Protein backbone atom coordinates (compact mmCIF):
# COMPACT_ATOMS: atom_id res chain seq x y z
CA UNK A 1 187.18 142.76 127.25
CA UNK A 2 184.84 142.34 124.27
CA UNK A 3 186.08 140.21 121.38
CA UNK A 4 186.55 142.22 118.22
CA UNK A 5 185.97 145.59 119.92
CA UNK A 6 189.09 147.71 120.36
CA UNK A 7 189.27 150.21 123.20
CA UNK A 8 191.79 152.99 123.59
CA UNK A 9 191.94 152.30 127.33
CA UNK A 10 190.67 149.50 129.55
CA UNK A 11 190.39 150.14 133.29
CA UNK A 12 190.11 147.07 135.52
CA UNK A 13 188.25 147.69 138.78
CA UNK A 14 188.94 145.97 142.08
CA UNK A 15 186.59 143.15 142.94
CA UNK A 16 185.81 143.59 146.63
CA UNK A 17 183.98 140.24 146.76
CA UNK A 18 187.10 138.08 146.27
CA UNK A 19 187.73 137.52 149.98
CA UNK A 20 184.13 136.46 150.65
CA UNK A 21 184.10 134.23 147.56
CA UNK A 22 187.34 132.55 148.64
CA UNK A 23 186.09 131.96 152.20
CA UNK A 24 182.82 130.53 150.85
CA UNK A 25 184.76 128.24 148.49
CA UNK A 26 186.89 126.90 151.36
CA UNK A 27 183.83 126.41 153.58
CA UNK A 28 181.82 124.55 150.92
CA UNK A 29 184.80 122.41 149.97
CA UNK A 30 185.61 121.37 153.52
CA UNK A 31 181.93 120.83 154.36
CA UNK A 32 181.66 118.41 151.43
CA UNK A 33 183.78 115.92 153.37
CA UNK A 34 180.81 115.31 155.71
CA UNK A 35 178.34 113.91 153.14
CA UNK A 36 181.15 111.95 151.49
CA UNK A 37 182.11 110.47 154.87
CA UNK A 38 178.47 109.56 155.51
CA UNK A 39 178.38 107.76 152.14
CA UNK A 40 181.54 105.84 153.10
CA UNK A 41 180.02 104.95 156.48
CA UNK A 42 176.76 103.76 154.88
CA UNK A 43 178.47 101.79 152.10
CA UNK A 44 182.02 100.94 153.23
CA UNK A 45 182.49 98.41 150.41
CA UNK A 46 181.81 100.93 147.59
CA UNK A 47 184.89 102.20 145.75
CA UNK A 48 183.37 105.37 144.23
CA UNK A 49 183.02 107.10 147.60
CA UNK A 50 186.72 106.60 148.27
CA UNK A 51 187.64 107.87 144.81
CA UNK A 52 185.52 110.99 145.36
CA UNK A 53 187.08 111.57 148.79
CA UNK A 54 190.57 111.16 147.31
CA UNK A 55 189.74 113.59 144.46
CA UNK A 56 188.32 116.19 146.85
CA UNK A 57 191.29 115.95 149.23
CA UNK A 58 193.74 116.14 146.30
CA UNK A 59 192.06 119.23 144.86
CA UNK A 60 191.85 120.84 148.33
CA UNK A 61 195.57 120.20 148.84
CA UNK A 62 196.33 121.69 145.43
CA UNK A 63 194.31 124.82 146.27
CA UNK A 64 196.04 125.11 149.64
CA UNK A 65 199.47 124.95 147.94
CA UNK A 66 198.33 127.57 145.40
CA UNK A 67 197.21 129.81 148.27
CA UNK A 68 200.62 129.47 149.94
CA UNK A 69 202.25 130.41 146.62
CA UNK A 70 199.89 133.43 146.44
CA UNK A 71 198.35 132.23 143.18
CA UNK A 72 194.82 133.10 142.12
CA UNK A 73 192.40 130.53 143.56
CA UNK A 74 189.53 129.05 141.56
CA UNK A 75 187.12 126.62 143.20
CA UNK A 76 185.19 125.87 139.99
CA UNK A 77 186.70 122.44 139.25
CA UNK A 78 186.59 121.33 142.89
CA UNK A 79 182.97 122.35 143.46
CA UNK A 80 181.80 120.79 140.20
CA UNK A 81 183.73 117.59 141.02
CA UNK A 82 181.98 117.45 144.40
CA UNK A 83 178.56 118.14 142.87
CA UNK A 84 178.85 115.59 140.08
CA UNK A 85 180.33 113.04 142.50
CA UNK A 86 177.50 113.45 144.99
CA UNK A 87 174.88 113.13 142.25
CA UNK A 88 176.55 110.04 140.74
CA UNK A 89 177.22 108.23 144.02
CA UNK A 90 174.33 109.15 146.28
CA UNK A 91 171.69 110.27 143.81
CA UNK A 92 171.27 113.45 145.89
CA UNK A 93 170.54 115.73 142.96
CA UNK A 94 169.66 118.79 145.07
CA UNK A 95 172.91 118.84 147.06
CA UNK A 96 174.97 117.99 143.99
CA UNK A 97 173.36 120.74 141.92
CA UNK A 98 173.96 123.26 144.70
CA UNK A 99 177.68 122.49 144.49
CA UNK A 100 177.66 122.75 140.68
CA UNK A 101 175.78 126.08 140.79
CA UNK A 102 178.17 127.36 143.50
CA UNK A 103 181.14 126.46 141.29
CA UNK A 104 179.71 128.19 138.24
CA UNK A 105 178.67 131.22 140.31
CA UNK A 106 182.18 131.53 141.74
CA UNK A 107 183.57 131.88 138.23
CA UNK A 108 181.27 134.79 137.38
CA UNK A 109 181.32 136.54 140.76
CA UNK A 110 185.10 136.55 141.02
CA UNK A 111 185.60 138.18 137.60
CA UNK A 112 186.80 141.76 137.63
CA UNK A 113 184.71 144.54 136.18
CA UNK A 114 186.34 146.22 133.19
CA UNK A 115 185.51 149.58 131.69
CA UNK A 116 186.56 150.14 128.09
CA UNK A 117 187.07 153.69 126.84
CA UNK A 118 186.93 154.46 123.12
CA UNK A 119 186.30 157.62 121.11
CA UNK A 120 182.68 156.56 120.55
CA UNK A 121 181.61 155.30 123.97
CA UNK A 122 182.46 153.93 127.37
CA UNK A 123 181.44 150.32 128.06
CA UNK A 124 181.27 148.86 131.56
CA UNK A 125 181.56 145.06 131.45
CA UNK A 126 180.73 142.81 134.39
CA UNK A 127 177.86 140.41 134.91
CA UNK A 128 175.94 142.81 132.70
CA UNK A 129 177.17 145.43 130.24
CA UNK A 130 176.29 149.10 130.15
CA UNK A 131 177.35 151.63 127.51
CA UNK A 132 177.69 155.38 128.08
CA UNK A 133 178.23 158.24 125.67
CA UNK A 134 180.85 160.88 126.39
CA UNK A 135 178.18 163.60 126.25
CA UNK A 136 176.52 162.04 129.33
CA UNK A 137 179.57 162.94 131.43
CA UNK A 138 181.01 166.07 133.03
CA UNK A 139 184.33 164.50 133.95
CA UNK A 140 186.24 161.21 134.03
CA UNK A 141 189.55 160.78 135.82
CA UNK A 142 191.79 158.47 137.80
CA UNK A 143 193.57 159.83 140.85
CA UNK A 144 195.33 157.70 143.47
CA UNK A 145 193.92 154.51 141.86
CA UNK A 146 190.35 155.82 142.16
CA UNK A 147 188.32 156.04 138.95
CA UNK A 148 185.71 158.79 139.11
CA UNK A 149 182.98 159.24 136.53
CA UNK A 150 180.88 162.38 137.08
CA UNK A 151 177.64 162.19 135.09
CA UNK A 152 175.59 165.20 134.00
CA UNK A 153 172.52 163.74 135.77
CA UNK A 154 174.27 164.33 139.14
CA UNK A 155 175.31 160.69 139.46
CA UNK A 156 178.83 159.93 140.59
CA UNK A 157 180.52 156.57 140.01
CA UNK A 158 183.72 155.85 141.93
CA UNK A 159 185.67 152.62 142.18
CA UNK A 160 189.25 151.63 142.90
CA UNK A 161 191.30 150.27 140.05
CA UNK A 162 193.00 146.89 140.34
CA UNK A 163 196.70 147.57 139.96
CA UNK A 164 197.51 143.86 140.39
CA UNK A 165 195.87 142.88 137.12
CA UNK A 166 197.45 142.33 133.73
CA UNK A 167 200.18 144.86 132.97
CA UNK A 168 198.94 144.96 129.37
CA UNK A 169 196.32 147.41 130.64
CA UNK A 170 198.78 149.41 132.76
CA UNK A 171 198.54 153.10 131.95
CA UNK A 172 199.66 156.31 133.61
CA UNK A 173 196.93 158.33 135.28
CA UNK A 174 197.99 161.59 133.57
CA UNK A 175 197.90 159.99 130.12
CA UNK A 176 194.43 158.53 130.77
CA UNK A 177 193.12 161.79 132.27
CA UNK A 178 194.38 163.79 129.27
CA UNK A 179 192.65 161.33 126.94
CA UNK A 180 189.36 161.73 128.83
CA UNK A 181 189.63 165.54 128.80
CA UNK A 182 190.13 165.47 125.01
CA UNK A 183 187.08 163.22 124.57
CA UNK A 184 184.93 165.39 126.82
CA UNK A 185 186.08 168.59 125.09
CA UNK A 186 185.62 167.08 121.64
CA UNK A 187 182.12 165.86 122.53
CA UNK A 188 180.78 169.11 124.00
């Protein structure tokens, strides 16, 4: 979560975009073979095109093996390699930058949202951060891996927790719910 800030509890929410992000990463990576092949066809005597193709195929193979081993996939290095390679070899800055931006975007979009709970406040961290005070809430609880935050302004926030994440954050629902009840009682 935040460096230096200590939270009594951190709840990690499921990122429902991971499947779409992974499919997009595979599609962009495989599609990159086309412009690289065109470069090889146009300049068959150039060595850099072959090096780029070898690097892309090697990284694709590595990602495929990681997928088979059920490891977390990250396309950042592959997409940046493709982007920088296309810029360096073909001078196609637009296409190369699109790959670089896609790689950087993948890193941020695939990150889980975390909500830190402390005695002073609740902080929701994702692409942007939002802080809430306990006195803004009627109730906070986790039941059946569903975090529910009931705000006094008739807003309801619900999201599933990610039970596959780091076990350092693993906490029993009853313990967390008791903590939230104490904070809500103390704050009213």
